[in-house]
Amino acid sequence: MVRLSSSQSPVLVDHFLLLLQPFLQALFGSFQGIL
C-alpha cells in the first residue's frame, strides 16, 4: 500500500483505508466470482 504523507497525516490515511476496506473486499470478491 502506498501511504501518501504518512508522517504528516497518518490518521487521515488510516481513516481513508478503513473507508476503502469494505469496497476493496467487495471488489476482490467480485473478481474471485468472475475468475
C-alpha atoms as a PDB file:
ATOM      1  CA  MET A   1       0.000   0.000   0.000  1.00  0.00           C
ATOM      2  CA  VAL A   2       1.210   3.491  -0.813  1.00  0.00           C
ATOM      3  CA  ARG A   3       0.931   5.814   2.161  1.00  0.00           C
ATOM      4  CA  LEU A   4       0.964   9.423   0.968  1.00  0.00           C
ATOM      5  CA  SER A   5       2.373  11.858   3.532  1.00  0.00           C
ATOM      6  CA  SER A   6       2.001   9.288   6.303  1.00  0.00           C
ATOM      7  CA  SER A   7       4.321  11.321   8.536  1.00  0.00           C
ATOM      8  CA  GLN A   8       2.096  14.393   8.229  1.00  0.00           C
ATOM      9  CA  SER A   9      -1.388  12.888   8.484  1.00  0.00           C
ATOM     10  CA  PRO A  10      -1.315   9.182   9.377  1.00  0.00           C
ATOM     11  CA  VAL A  11      -4.779   9.363  10.940  1.00  0.00           C
ATOM     12  CA  LEU A  12      -6.312  10.685   7.724  1.00  0.00           C
ATOM     13  CA  VAL A  13      -4.683   7.909   5.683  1.00  0.00           C
ATOM     14  CA  ASP A  14      -5.816   5.267   8.183  1.00  0.00           C
ATOM     15  CA  HIS A  15      -9.401   6.538   8.038  1.00  0.00           C
ATOM     16  CA  PHE A  16      -9.242   6.578   4.236  1.00  0.00           C
ATOM     17  CA  LEU A  17      -8.019   2.968   4.172  1.00  0.00           C
ATOM     18  CA  LEU A  18     -10.727   1.951   6.646  1.00  0.00           C
ATOM     19  CA  LEU A  19     -13.362   3.536   4.410  1.00  0.00           C
ATOM     20  CA  LEU A  20     -11.917   1.798   1.342  1.00  0.00           C
ATOM     21  CA  GLN A  21     -11.566  -1.616   3.004  1.00  0.00           C
ATOM     22  CA  PRO A  22     -15.191  -2.834   2.511  1.00  0.00           C
ATOM     23  CA  PHE A  23     -15.176  -1.562  -1.078  1.00  0.00           C
ATOM     24  CA  LEU A  24     -11.882  -3.296  -1.813  1.00  0.00           C
ATOM     25  CA  GLN A  25     -13.130  -6.519  -0.219  1.00  0.00           C
ATOM     26  CA  ALA A  26     -16.289  -6.405  -2.344  1.00  0.00           C
ATOM     27  CA  LEU A  27     -14.183  -5.681  -5.430  1.00  0.00           C
ATOM     28  CA  PHE A  28     -11.871  -8.623  -4.755  1.00  0.00           C
ATOM     29  CA  GLY A  29     -14.909 -10.801  -4.044  1.00  0.00           C
ATOM     30  CA  SER A  30     -16.405  -9.886  -7.425  1.00  0.00           C
ATOM     31  CA  PHE A  31     -13.086 -10.608  -9.135  1.00  0.00           C
ATOM     32  CA  GLN A  32     -12.947 -14.033  -7.471  1.00  0.00           C
ATOM     33  CA  GLY A  33     -16.527 -14.639  -8.607  1.00  0.00           C
ATOM     34  CA  ILE A  34     -15.558 -13.805 -12.203  1.00  0.00           C
ATOM     35  CA  LEU A  35     -12.410 -15.912 -12.083  1.00  0.00           C
END
